Every structure is written in C-alpha cells, then in structure tokens.
Amino acid sequence: MDTPNLNYIKELSGGDKQFETKVLSILTEEFPNELDRFLSNYKKKDYKKSAEDVHKLKHKISILGLVNGYHVAVAFENELKLESDSLFGSFMEVMEQIKLFLKKVNPS
C-alpha cells in the first residue's frame, strides 16, 4: 500500500509555500466532514449517496499521492453504484491513512 505525501501539492505550488499551506488547510478542513458524510450515508445503506461521497473523497486521495488508494476508491465507487460494498474495509484503510497523515502534517 502506498503512503500519503505532499509531492503533488508541492509540484502544483511551484515552491509557493502559501499555496501549499492553503491546499493543506482545505484538505484538513474538508476531509473529516466528507468522511463523516460518507459514513452517515453508508450506515443508512444509501449506496447512491455513498458513491457520490466516495467520488468527492477520491480527489483528495489522488492529491495526496495515493495511487493504489485512488484505484481502490474508483472500484469502491463503482461497486456502491451496484449496491455492493465488499471493498469497504480497503477503502476505510485508505481513509485512516489520510486521517493520520493530515494530523501529522497539520496538527492544529
């Protein structure tokens, strides 16, 4: 499994530390809310809304350099659209990685 990193953000920023801080701040603010929304919809077995939530989260996965995690999210999103959820555990592993990483790089 790959690990979250800031490589893509740094590449986008071209060395602009303010930009990097802003993107990281947005990720740190939005990620927990989007994950909570996903978990709420998933708990209600609203697979359509859960798939939409995963769609939003997969962009954050990509920004944080998780290539394998992104593939898991794409597969899980498609699976949810078919009202199946066998990849839930794998997807949640990726979410946990991101949670821990964001706490580490932006502990506020």
PDB file of N, CA and C in Angstrom:
ATOM      1  N   MET A   1       0.851  -1.187   0.000  1.00  0.00           N
ATOM      2  CA  MET A   1       0.000   0.000   0.000  1.00  0.00           C
ATOM      3  C   MET A   1       0.891   1.244   0.000  1.00  0.00           C
ATOM      4  N   ASP A   2       0.510   2.233  -0.777  1.00  0.00           N
ATOM      5  CA  ASP A   2       1.289   3.467  -0.818  1.00  0.00           C
ATOM      6  C   ASP A   2       0.949   4.370   0.370  1.00  0.00           C
ATOM      7  N   THR A   3       1.762   5.399   0.571  1.00  0.00           N
ATOM      8  CA  THR A   3       1.549   6.278   1.716  1.00  0.00           C
ATOM      9  C   THR A   3       1.274   7.699   1.247  1.00  0.00           C
ATOM     10  N   PRO A   4       0.465   8.434   1.997  1.00  0.00           N
ATOM     11  CA  PRO A   4       0.159   9.815   1.624  1.00  0.00           C
ATOM     12  C   PRO A   4       1.431  10.663   1.605  1.00  0.00           C
ATOM     13  N   ASN A   5       1.452  11.625   0.689  1.00  0.00           N
ATOM     14  CA  ASN A   5       2.585  12.537   0.601  1.00  0.00           C
ATOM     15  C   ASN A   5       2.131  13.872   0.017  1.00  0.00           C
ATOM     16  N   LEU A   6       3.023  14.827   0.053  1.00  0.00           N
ATOM     17  CA  LEU A   6       2.715  16.179  -0.440  1.00  0.00           C
ATOM     18  C   LEU A   6       3.356  16.456  -1.799  1.00  0.00           C
ATOM     19  N   ASN A   7       3.873  15.437  -2.460  1.00  0.00           N
ATOM     20  CA  ASN A   7       4.596  15.638  -3.712  1.00  0.00           C
ATOM     21  C   ASN A   7       3.773  16.377  -4.767  1.00  0.00           C
ATOM     22  N   TYR A   8       2.536  15.959  -4.976  1.00  0.00           N
ATOM     23  CA  TYR A   8       1.696  16.591  -5.993  1.00  0.00           C
ATOM     24  C   TYR A   8       1.402  18.046  -5.637  1.00  0.00           C
ATOM     25  N   ILE A   9       1.126  18.304  -4.371  1.00  0.00           N
ATOM     26  CA  ILE A   9       0.846  19.667  -3.917  1.00  0.00           C
ATOM     27  C   ILE A   9       2.071  20.544  -4.122  1.00  0.00           C
ATOM     28  N   LYS A  10       3.240  20.019  -3.796  1.00  0.00           N
ATOM     29  CA  LYS A  10       4.480  20.773  -3.981  1.00  0.00           C
ATOM     30  C   LYS A  10       4.747  21.028  -5.459  1.00  0.00           C
ATOM     31  N   GLU A  11       4.446  20.038  -6.287  1.00  0.00           N
ATOM     32  CA  GLU A  11       4.624  20.198  -7.736  1.00  0.00           C
ATOM     33  C   GLU A  11       3.695  21.291  -8.265  1.00  0.00           C
ATOM     34  N   LEU A  12       2.451  21.262  -7.829  1.00  0.00           N
ATOM     35  CA  LEU A  12       1.486  22.285  -8.251  1.00  0.00           C
ATOM     36  C   LEU A  12       1.891  23.685  -7.791  1.00  0.00           C
ATOM     37  N   SER A  13       2.453  23.766  -6.598  1.00  0.00           N
ATOM     38  CA  SER A  13       2.753  25.064  -5.989  1.00  0.00           C
ATOM     39  C   SER A  13       3.927  25.767  -6.635  1.00  0.00           C
ATOM     40  N   GLY A  14       4.812  25.006  -7.259  1.00  0.00           N
ATOM     41  CA  GLY A  14       5.999  25.618  -7.837  1.00  0.00           C
ATOM     42  C   GLY A  14       6.849  26.303  -6.765  1.00  0.00           C
ATOM     43  N   GLY A  15       6.798  25.801  -5.539  1.00  0.00           N
ATOM     44  CA  GLY A  15       7.586  26.371  -4.455  1.00  0.00           C
ATOM     45  C   GLY A  15       6.868  27.433  -3.635  1.00  0.00           C
ATOM     46  N   ASP A  16       5.611  27.719  -3.986  1.00  0.00           N
ATOM     47  CA  ASP A  16       4.825  28.724  -3.263  1.00  0.00           C
ATOM     48  C   ASP A  16       4.296  28.100  -1.968  1.00  0.00           C
ATOM     49  N   LYS A  17       4.964  28.416  -0.848  1.00  0.00           N
ATOM     50  CA  LYS A  17       4.609  27.822   0.446  1.00  0.00           C
ATOM     51  C   LYS A  17       3.211  28.227   0.902  1.00  0.00           C
ATOM     52  N   GLN A  18       2.784  29.445   0.567  1.00  0.00           N
ATOM     53  CA  GLN A  18       1.431  29.877   0.940  1.00  0.00           C
ATOM     54  C   GLN A  18       0.384  29.008   0.251  1.00  0.00           C
ATOM     55  N   PHE A  19       0.624  28.713  -1.013  1.00  0.00           N
ATOM     56  CA  PHE A  19      -0.291  27.855  -1.762  1.00  0.00           C
ATOM     57  C   PHE A  19      -0.353  26.473  -1.122  1.00  0.00           C
ATOM     58  N   GLU A  20       0.811  25.908  -0.794  1.00  0.00           N
ATOM     59  CA  GLU A  20       0.865  24.588  -0.167  1.00  0.00           C
ATOM     60  C   GLU A  20       0.093  24.576   1.146  1.00  0.00           C
ATOM     61  N   THR A  21       0.302  25.627   1.953  1.00  0.00           N
ATOM     62  CA  THR A  21      -0.389  25.730   3.242  1.00  0.00           C
ATOM     63  C   THR A  21      -1.890  25.832   3.045  1.00  0.00           C
ATOM     64  N   LYS A  22      -2.315  26.609   2.056  1.00  0.00           N
ATOM     65  CA  LYS A  22      -3.749  26.793   1.776  1.00  0.00           C
ATOM     66  C   LYS A  22      -4.395  25.465   1.348  1.00  0.00           C
ATOM     67  N   VAL A  23      -3.743  24.749   0.444  1.00  0.00           N
ATOM     68  CA  VAL A  23      -4.285  23.468  -0.022  1.00  0.00           C
ATOM     69  C   VAL A  23      -4.368  22.480   1.136  1.00  0.00           C
ATOM     70  N   LEU A  24      -3.324  22.424   1.929  1.00  0.00           N
ATOM     71  CA  LEU A  24      -3.304  21.524   3.079  1.00  0.00           C
ATOM     72  C   LEU A  24      -4.394  21.899   4.083  1.00  0.00           C
ATOM     73  N   SER A  25      -4.596  23.184   4.271  1.00  0.00           N
ATOM     74  CA  SER A  25      -5.637  23.661   5.174  1.00  0.00           C
ATOM     75  C   SER A  25      -7.027  23.250   4.673  1.00  0.00           C
ATOM     76  N   ILE A  26      -7.251  23.382   3.389  1.00  0.00           N
ATOM     77  CA  ILE A  26      -8.537  22.988   2.790  1.00  0.00           C
ATOM     78  C   ILE A  26      -8.751  21.485   2.960  1.00  0.00           C
ATOM     79  N   LEU A  27      -7.712  20.704   2.675  1.00  0.00           N
ATOM     80  CA  LEU A  27      -7.819  19.243   2.842  1.00  0.00           C
ATOM     81  C   LEU A  27      -8.149  18.880   4.286  1.00  0.00           C
ATOM     82  N   THR A  28      -7.447  19.514   5.204  1.00  0.00           N
ATOM     83  CA  THR A  28      -7.637  19.226   6.620  1.00  0.00           C
ATOM     84  C   THR A  28      -9.035  19.601   7.090  1.00  0.00           C
ATOM     85  N   GLU A  29      -9.575  20.660   6.529  1.00  0.00           N
ATOM     86  CA  GLU A  29     -10.915  21.117   6.908  1.00  0.00           C
ATOM     87  C   GLU A  29     -12.010  20.264   6.268  1.00  0.00           C
ATOM     88  N   GLU A  30     -11.868  19.966   4.988  1.00  0.00           N
ATOM     89  CA  GLU A  30     -12.929  19.276   4.256  1.00  0.00           C
ATOM     90  C   GLU A  30     -12.955  17.769   4.481  1.00  0.00           C
ATOM     91  N   PHE A  31     -11.783  17.155   4.610  1.00  0.00           N
ATOM     92  CA  PHE A  31     -11.715  15.692   4.674  1.00  0.00           C
ATOM     93  C   PHE A  31     -12.594  15.082   5.775  1.00  0.00           C
ATOM     94  N   PRO A  32     -12.475  15.553   7.032  1.00  0.00           N
ATOM     95  CA  PRO A  32     -13.294  14.925   8.085  1.00  0.00           C
ATOM     96  C   PRO A  32     -14.797  15.042   7.826  1.00  0.00           C
ATOM     97  N   ASN A  33     -15.232  16.185   7.307  1.00  0.00           N
ATOM     98  CA  ASN A  33     -16.656  16.381   7.019  1.00  0.00           C
ATOM     99  C   ASN A  33     -17.124  15.449   5.907  1.00  0.00           C
ATOM    100  N   GLU A  34     -16.314  15.322   4.864  1.00  0.00           N
ATOM    101  CA  GLU A  34     -16.691  14.445   3.756  1.00  0.00           C
ATOM    102  C   GLU A  34     -16.687  12.983   4.184  1.00  0.00           C
ATOM    103  N   LEU A  35     -15.729  12.613   5.021  1.00  0.00           N
ATOM    104  CA  LEU A  35     -15.688  11.242   5.523  1.00  0.00           C
ATOM    105  C   LEU A  35     -16.893  10.958   6.415  1.00  0.00           C
ATOM    106  N   ASP A  36     -17.231  11.896   7.286  1.00  0.00           N
ATOM    107  CA  ASP A  36     -18.416  11.736   8.145  1.00  0.00           C
ATOM    108  C   ASP A  36     -19.683  11.596   7.315  1.00  0.00           C
ATOM    109  N   ARG A  37     -19.798  12.419   6.268  1.00  0.00           N
ATOM    110  CA  ARG A  37     -20.978  12.352   5.389  1.00  0.00           C
ATOM    111  C   ARG A  37     -21.055  10.984   4.720  1.00  0.00           C
ATOM    112  N   PHE A  38     -19.900  10.498   4.243  1.00  0.00           N
ATOM    113  CA  PHE A  38     -19.869   9.169   3.634  1.00  0.00           C
ATOM    114  C   PHE A  38     -20.332   8.111   4.625  1.00  0.00           C
ATOM    115  N   LEU A  39     -19.750   8.132   5.831  1.00  0.00           N
ATOM    116  CA  LEU A  39     -20.081   7.118   6.834  1.00  0.00           C
ATOM    117  C   LEU A  39     -21.555   7.163   7.227  1.00  0.00           C
ATOM    118  N   SER A  40     -22.108   8.359   7.302  1.00  0.00           N
ATOM    119  CA  SER A  40     -23.531   8.505   7.626  1.00  0.00           C
ATOM    120  C   SER A  40     -24.401   7.889   6.527  1.00  0.00           C
ATOM    121  N   ASN A  41     -24.088   8.216   5.280  1.00  0.00           N
ATOM    122  CA  ASN A  41     -24.864   7.660   4.163  1.00  0.00           C
ATOM    123  C   ASN A  41     -24.663   6.151   4.043  1.00  0.00           C
ATOM    124  N   TYR A  42     -23.455   5.699   4.290  1.00  0.00           N
ATOM    125  CA  TYR A  42     -23.156   4.267   4.208  1.00  0.00           C
ATOM    126  C   TYR A  42     -23.919   3.505   5.294  1.00  0.00           C
ATOM    127  N   LYS A  43     -23.931   4.062   6.500  1.00  0.00           N
ATOM    128  CA  LYS A  43     -24.641   3.427   7.612  1.00  0.00           C
ATOM    129  C   LYS A  43     -26.131   3.277   7.300  1.00  0.00           C
ATOM    130  N   LYS A  44     -26.687   4.258   6.565  1.00  0.00           N
ATOM    131  CA  LYS A  44     -28.096   4.217   6.165  1.00  0.00           C
ATOM    132  C   LYS A  44     -28.312   3.320   4.946  1.00  0.00           C
ATOM    133  N   LYS A  45     -27.206   2.744   4.453  1.00  0.00           N
ATOM    134  CA  LYS A  45     -27.229   1.912   3.240  1.00  0.00           C
ATOM    135  C   LYS A  45     -27.734   2.690   2.014  1.00  0.00           C
ATOM    136  N   ASP A  46     -27.467   3.994   2.019  1.00  0.00           N
ATOM    137  CA  ASP A  46     -27.779   4.819   0.854  1.00  0.00           C
ATOM    138  C   ASP A  46     -26.560   4.775  -0.064  1.00  0.00           C
ATOM    139  N   TYR A  47     -26.505   3.717  -0.863  1.00  0.00           N
ATOM    140  CA  TYR A  47     -25.331   3.461  -1.678  1.00  0.00           C
ATOM    141  C   TYR A  47     -25.133   4.512  -2.771  1.00  0.00           C
ATOM    142  N   LYS A  48     -26.224   5.078  -3.252  1.00  0.00           N
ATOM    143  CA  LYS A  48     -26.096   6.114  -4.288  1.00  0.00           C
ATOM    144  C   LYS A  48     -25.367   7.333  -3.722  1.00  0.00           C
ATOM    145  N   LYS A  49     -25.815   7.814  -2.568  1.00  0.00           N
ATOM    146  CA  LYS A  49     -25.156   8.970  -1.944  1.00  0.00           C
ATOM    147  C   LYS A  49     -23.754   8.594  -1.469  1.00  0.00           C
ATOM    148  N   SER A  50     -23.570   7.382  -1.002  1.00  0.00           N
ATOM    149  CA  SER A  50     -22.248   6.924  -0.580  1.00  0.00           C
ATOM    150  C   SER A  50     -21.273   6.950  -1.751  1.00  0.00           C
ATOM    151  N   ALA A  51     -21.743   6.527  -2.920  1.00  0.00           N
ATOM    152  CA  ALA A  51     -20.895   6.556  -4.124  1.00  0.00           C
ATOM    153  C   ALA A  51     -20.513   7.995  -4.472  1.00  0.00           C
ATOM    154  N   GLU A  52     -21.461   8.916  -4.327  1.00  0.00           N
ATOM    155  CA  GLU A  52     -21.166  10.335  -4.584  1.00  0.00           C
ATOM    156  C   GLU A  52     -20.123  10.856  -3.588  1.00  0.00           C
ATOM    157  N   ASP A  53     -20.228  10.420  -2.342  1.00  0.00           N
ATOM    158  CA  ASP A  53     -19.259  10.827  -1.321  1.00  0.00           C
ATOM    159  C   ASP A  53     -17.867  10.283  -1.640  1.00  0.00           C
ATOM    160  N   VAL A  54     -17.799   9.036  -2.051  1.00  0.00           N
ATOM    161  CA  VAL A  54     -16.518   8.425  -2.417  1.00  0.00           C
ATOM    162  C   VAL A  54     -15.924   9.171  -3.610  1.00  0.00           C
ATOM    163  N   HIS A  55     -16.782   9.566  -4.538  1.00  0.00           N
ATOM    164  CA  HIS A  55     -16.318  10.323  -5.707  1.00  0.00           C
ATOM    165  C   HIS A  55     -15.588  11.594  -5.265  1.00  0.00           C
ATOM    166  N   LYS A  56     -16.153  12.304  -4.293  1.00  0.00           N
ATOM    167  CA  LYS A  56     -15.515  13.527  -3.782  1.00  0.00           C
ATOM    168  C   LYS A  56     -14.219  13.204  -3.053  1.00  0.00           C
ATOM    169  N   LEU A  57     -14.245  12.159  -2.252  1.00  0.00           N
ATOM    170  CA  LEU A  57     -13.061  11.786  -1.469  1.00  0.00           C
ATOM    171  C   LEU A  57     -11.913  11.297  -2.342  1.00  0.00           C
ATOM    172  N   LYS A  58     -12.226  10.685  -3.468  1.00  0.00           N
ATOM    173  CA  LYS A  58     -11.144  10.121  -4.285  1.00  0.00           C
ATOM    174  C   LYS A  58     -10.245  11.211  -4.853  1.00  0.00           C
ATOM    175  N   HIS A  59     -10.761  12.429  -4.996  1.00  0.00           N
ATOM    176  CA  HIS A  59      -9.910  13.516  -5.470  1.00  0.00           C
ATOM    177  C   HIS A  59      -8.870  13.877  -4.417  1.00  0.00           C
ATOM    178  N   LYS A  60      -9.245  13.828  -3.166  1.00  0.00           N
ATOM    179  CA  LYS A  60      -8.300  14.086  -2.077  1.00  0.00           C
ATOM    180  C   LYS A  60      -7.264  12.957  -2.011  1.00  0.00           C
ATOM    181  N   ILE A  61      -7.706  11.750  -2.246  1.00  0.00           N
ATOM    182  CA  ILE A  61      -6.801  10.599  -2.264  1.00  0.00           C
ATOM    183  C   ILE A  61      -5.738  10.817  -3.342  1.00  0.00           C
ATOM    184  N   SER A  62      -6.170  11.249  -4.496  1.00  0.00           N
ATOM    185  CA  SER A  62      -5.255  11.494  -5.612  1.00  0.00           C
ATOM    186  C   SER A  62      -4.278  12.623  -5.305  1.00  0.00           C
ATOM    187  N   ILE A  63      -4.783  13.714  -4.742  1.00  0.00           N
ATOM    188  CA  ILE A  63      -3.936  14.866  -4.407  1.00  0.00           C
ATOM    189  C   ILE A  63      -2.841  14.471  -3.424  1.00  0.00           C
ATOM    190  N   LEU A  64      -3.142  13.514  -2.560  1.00  0.00           N
ATOM    191  CA  LEU A  64      -2.167  13.077  -1.554  1.00  0.00           C
ATOM    192  C   LEU A  64      -1.282  11.934  -2.051  1.00  0.00           C
ATOM    193  N   GLY A  65      -1.287  11.683  -3.356  1.00  0.00           N
ATOM    194  CA  GLY A  65      -0.349  10.754  -3.970  1.00  0.00           C
ATOM    195  C   GLY A  65      -0.607   9.285  -3.724  1.00  0.00           C
ATOM    196  N   LEU A  66      -1.822   8.938  -3.353  1.00  0.00           N
ATOM    197  CA  LEU A  66      -2.154   7.539  -3.080  1.00  0.00           C
ATOM    198  C   LEU A  66      -2.693   6.868  -4.350  1.00  0.00           C
ATOM    199  N   VAL A  67      -1.791   6.423  -5.187  1.00  0.00           N
ATOM    200  CA  VAL A  67      -2.178   5.824  -6.469  1.00  0.00           C
ATOM    201  C   VAL A  67      -3.027   4.580  -6.254  1.00  0.00           C
ATOM    202  N   ASN A  68      -2.540   3.673  -5.415  1.00  0.00           N
ATOM    203  CA  ASN A  68      -3.315   2.448  -5.150  1.00  0.00           C
ATOM    204  C   ASN A  68      -4.622   2.779  -4.436  1.00  0.00           C
ATOM    205  N   GLY A  69      -4.562   3.714  -3.501  1.00  0.00           N
ATOM    206  CA  GLY A  69      -5.766   4.145  -2.794  1.00  0.00           C
ATOM    207  C   GLY A  69      -6.802   4.725  -3.739  1.00  0.00           C
ATOM    208  N   TYR A  70      -6.336   5.450  -4.738  1.00  0.00           N
ATOM    209  CA  TYR A  70      -7.239   6.020  -5.738  1.00  0.00           C
ATOM    210  C   TYR A  70      -7.947   4.896  -6.494  1.00  0.00           C
ATOM    211  N   HIS A  71      -7.191   3.870  -6.866  1.00  0.00           N
ATOM    212  CA  HIS A  71      -7.795   2.739  -7.590  1.00  0.00           C
ATOM    213  C   HIS A  71      -8.821   2.012  -6.728  1.00  0.00           C
ATOM    214  N   VAL A  72      -8.535   1.892  -5.436  1.00  0.00           N
ATOM    215  CA  VAL A  72      -9.498   1.286  -4.513  1.00  0.00           C
ATOM    216  C   VAL A  72     -10.772   2.136  -4.486  1.00  0.00           C
ATOM    217  N   ALA A  73     -10.615   3.459  -4.410  1.00  0.00           N
ATOM    218  CA  ALA A  73     -11.778   4.355  -4.351  1.00  0.00           C
ATOM    219  C   ALA A  73     -12.610   4.278  -5.627  1.00  0.00           C
ATOM    220  N   VAL A  74     -11.954   4.232  -6.773  1.00  0.00           N
ATOM    221  CA  VAL A  74     -12.686   4.122  -8.044  1.00  0.00           C
ATOM    222  C   VAL A  74     -13.485   2.824  -8.072  1.00  0.00           C
ATOM    223  N   ALA A  75     -12.838   1.726  -7.697  1.00  0.00           N
ATOM    224  CA  ALA A  75     -13.520   0.423  -7.696  1.00  0.00           C
ATOM    225  C   ALA A  75     -14.662   0.416  -6.680  1.00  0.00           C
ATOM    226  N   PHE A  76     -14.427   0.997  -5.506  1.00  0.00           N
ATOM    227  CA  PHE A  76     -15.460   1.032  -4.468  1.00  0.00           C
ATOM    228  C   PHE A  76     -16.634   1.898  -4.907  1.00  0.00           C
ATOM    229  N   GLU A  77     -16.362   3.032  -5.525  1.00  0.00           N
ATOM    230  CA  GLU A  77     -17.436   3.892  -6.029  1.00  0.00           C
ATOM    231  C   GLU A  77     -18.310   3.128  -7.024  1.00  0.00           C
ATOM    232  N   ASN A  78     -17.669   2.425  -7.948  1.00  0.00           N
ATOM    233  CA  ASN A  78     -18.418   1.645  -8.939  1.00  0.00           C
ATOM    234  C   ASN A  78     -19.208   0.519  -8.279  1.00  0.00           C
ATOM    235  N   GLU A  79     -18.599  -0.092  -7.287  1.00  0.00           N
ATOM    236  CA  GLU A  79     -19.261  -1.171  -6.549  1.00  0.00           C
ATOM    237  C   GLU A  79     -20.506  -0.651  -5.823  1.00  0.00           C
ATOM    238  N   LEU A  80     -20.370   0.497  -5.179  1.00  0.00           N
ATOM    239  CA  LEU A  80     -21.515   1.079  -4.466  1.00  0.00           C
ATOM    240  C   LEU A  80     -22.672   1.380  -5.421  1.00  0.00           C
ATOM    241  N   LYS A  81     -22.351   1.793  -6.617  1.00  0.00           N
ATOM    242  CA  LYS A  81     -23.400   2.065  -7.609  1.00  0.00           C
ATOM    243  C   LYS A  81     -24.182   0.804  -7.938  1.00  0.00           C
ATOM    244  N   LEU A  82     -23.544  -0.348  -7.731  1.00  0.00           N
ATOM    245  CA  LEU A  82     -24.205  -1.639  -7.961  1.00  0.00           C
ATOM    246  C   LEU A  82     -24.758  -2.213  -6.659  1.00  0.00           C
ATOM    247  N   GLU A  83     -24.790  -1.376  -5.608  1.00  0.00           N
ATOM    248  CA  GLU A  83     -25.286  -1.737  -4.282  1.00  0.00           C
ATOM    249  C   GLU A  83     -24.531  -2.910  -3.679  1.00  0.00           C
ATOM    250  N   SER A  84     -23.221  -2.871  -3.848  1.00  0.00           N
ATOM    251  CA  SER A  84     -22.329  -3.846  -3.244  1.00  0.00           C
ATOM    252  C   SER A  84     -21.282  -3.075  -2.444  1.00  0.00           C
ATOM    253  N   ASP A  85     -20.686  -3.731  -1.458  1.00  0.00           N
ATOM    254  CA  ASP A  85     -19.745  -2.987  -0.617  1.00  0.00           C
ATOM    255  C   ASP A  85     -18.566  -3.832  -0.126  1.00  0.00           C
ATOM    256  N   SER A  86     -18.116  -4.777  -0.912  1.00  0.00           N
ATOM    257  CA  SER A  86     -17.038  -5.662  -0.462  1.00  0.00           C
ATOM    258  C   SER A  86     -15.708  -4.929  -0.269  1.00  0.00           C
ATOM    259  N   LEU A  87     -15.545  -3.751  -0.850  1.00  0.00           N
ATOM    260  CA  LEU A  87     -14.294  -3.001  -0.721  1.00  0.00           C
ATOM    261  C   LEU A  87     -14.321  -1.985   0.423  1.00  0.00           C
ATOM    262  N   PHE A  88     -15.360  -2.027   1.240  1.00  0.00           N
ATOM    263  CA  PHE A  88     -15.472  -1.062   2.339  1.00  0.00           C
ATOM    264  C   PHE A  88     -14.226  -1.065   3.226  1.00  0.00           C
ATOM    265  N   GLY A  89     -13.776  -2.237   3.646  1.00  0.00           N
ATOM    266  CA  GLY A  89     -12.613  -2.339   4.527  1.00  0.00           C
ATOM    267  C   GLY A  89     -11.362  -1.738   3.902  1.00  0.00           C
ATOM    268  N   SER A  90     -11.129  -2.037   2.646  1.00  0.00           N
ATOM    269  CA  SER A  90      -9.961  -1.495   1.941  1.00  0.00           C
ATOM    270  C   SER A  90     -10.055   0.011   1.821  1.00  0.00           C
ATOM    271  N   PHE A  91     -11.247   0.509   1.522  1.00  0.00           N
ATOM    272  CA  PHE A  91     -11.450   1.949   1.401  1.00  0.00           C
ATOM    273  C   PHE A  91     -11.208   2.630   2.754  1.00  0.00           C
ATOM    274  N   MET A  92     -11.700   2.028   3.821  1.00  0.00           N
ATOM    275  CA  MET A  92     -11.532   2.624   5.141  1.00  0.00           C
ATOM    276  C   MET A  92     -10.067   2.614   5.592  1.00  0.00           C
ATOM    277  N   GLU A  93      -9.297   1.652   5.134  1.00  0.00           N
ATOM    278  CA  GLU A  93      -7.854   1.666   5.415  1.00  0.00           C
ATOM    279  C   GLU A  93      -7.208   2.906   4.810  1.00  0.00           C
ATOM    280  N   VAL A  94      -7.608   3.236   3.600  1.00  0.00           N
ATOM    281  CA  VAL A  94      -7.092   4.430   2.921  1.00  0.00           C
ATOM    282  C   VAL A  94      -7.523   5.681   3.687  1.00  0.00           C
ATOM    283  N   MET A  95      -8.771   5.709   4.125  1.00  0.00           N
ATOM    284  CA  MET A  95      -9.279   6.868   4.862  1.00  0.00           C
ATOM    285  C   MET A  95      -8.499   7.054   6.176  1.00  0.00           C
ATOM    286  N   GLU A  96      -8.197   5.950   6.839  1.00  0.00           N
ATOM    287  CA  GLU A  96      -7.443   6.017   8.098  1.00  0.00           C
ATOM    288  C   GLU A  96      -6.031   6.543   7.852  1.00  0.00           C
ATOM    289  N   GLN A  97      -5.413   6.099   6.780  1.00  0.00           N
ATOM    290  CA  GLN A  97      -4.081   6.601   6.413  1.00  0.00           C
ATOM    291  C   GLN A  97      -4.109   8.116   6.240  1.00  0.00           C
ATOM    292  N   ILE A  98      -5.119   8.600   5.542  1.00  0.00           N
ATOM    293  CA  ILE A  98      -5.230  10.039   5.288  1.00  0.00           C
ATOM    294  C   ILE A  98      -5.459  10.784   6.593  1.00  0.00           C
ATOM    295  N   LYS A  99      -6.347  10.269   7.432  1.00  0.00           N
ATOM    296  CA  LYS A  99      -6.608  10.911   8.727  1.00  0.00           C
ATOM    297  C   LYS A  99      -5.321  11.075   9.526  1.00  0.00           C
ATOM    298  N   LEU A 100      -4.556  10.013   9.633  1.00  0.00           N
ATOM    299  CA  LEU A 100      -3.306  10.056  10.395  1.00  0.00           C
ATOM    300  C   LEU A 100      -2.303  11.002   9.759  1.00  0.00           C
ATOM    301  N   PHE A 101      -2.211  10.980   8.446  1.00  0.00           N
ATOM    302  CA  PHE A 101      -1.275  11.851   7.737  1.00  0.00           C
ATOM    303  C   PHE A 101      -1.617  13.322   7.939  1.00  0.00           C
ATOM    304  N   LEU A 102      -2.893  13.657   7.804  1.00  0.00           N
ATOM    305  CA  LEU A 102      -3.305  15.060   7.964  1.00  0.00           C
ATOM    306  C   LEU A 102      -3.064  15.544   9.388  1.00  0.00           C
ATOM    307  N   LYS A 103      -3.246  14.679  10.371  1.00  0.00           N
ATOM    308  CA  LYS A 103      -2.945  15.065  11.767  1.00  0.00           C
ATOM    309  C   LYS A 103      -1.461  15.333  11.945  1.00  0.00           C
ATOM    310  N   LYS A 104      -0.653  14.537  11.249  1.00  0.00           N
ATOM    311  CA  LYS A 104       0.796  14.662  11.373  1.00  0.00           C
ATOM    312  C   LYS A 104       1.314  15.951  10.713  1.00  0.00           C
ATOM    313  N   VAL A 105       0.817  16.255   9.514  1.00  0.00           N
ATOM    314  CA  VAL A 105       1.345  17.419   8.783  1.00  0.00           C
ATOM    315  C   VAL A 105       0.665  18.721   9.159  1.00  0.00           C
ATOM    316  N   ASN A 106      -0.510  18.647   9.772  1.00  0.00           N
ATOM    317  CA  ASN A 106      -1.241  19.862  10.167  1.00  0.00           C
ATOM    318  C   ASN A 106      -1.921  19.591  11.504  1.00  0.00           C
ATOM    319  N   PRO A 107      -1.126  19.529  12.588  1.00  0.00           N
ATOM    320  CA  PRO A 107      -1.657  19.090  13.878  1.00  0.00           C
ATOM    321  C   PRO A 107      -2.615  20.041  14.580  1.00  0.00           C
ATOM    322  N   SER A 108      -2.869  21.203  14.040  1.00  0.00           N
ATOM    323  CA  SER A 108      -3.743  22.177  14.728  1.00  0.00           C
ATOM    324  C   SER A 108      -5.154  21.703  14.904  1.00  0.00           C
TER     325      SER A 108
END
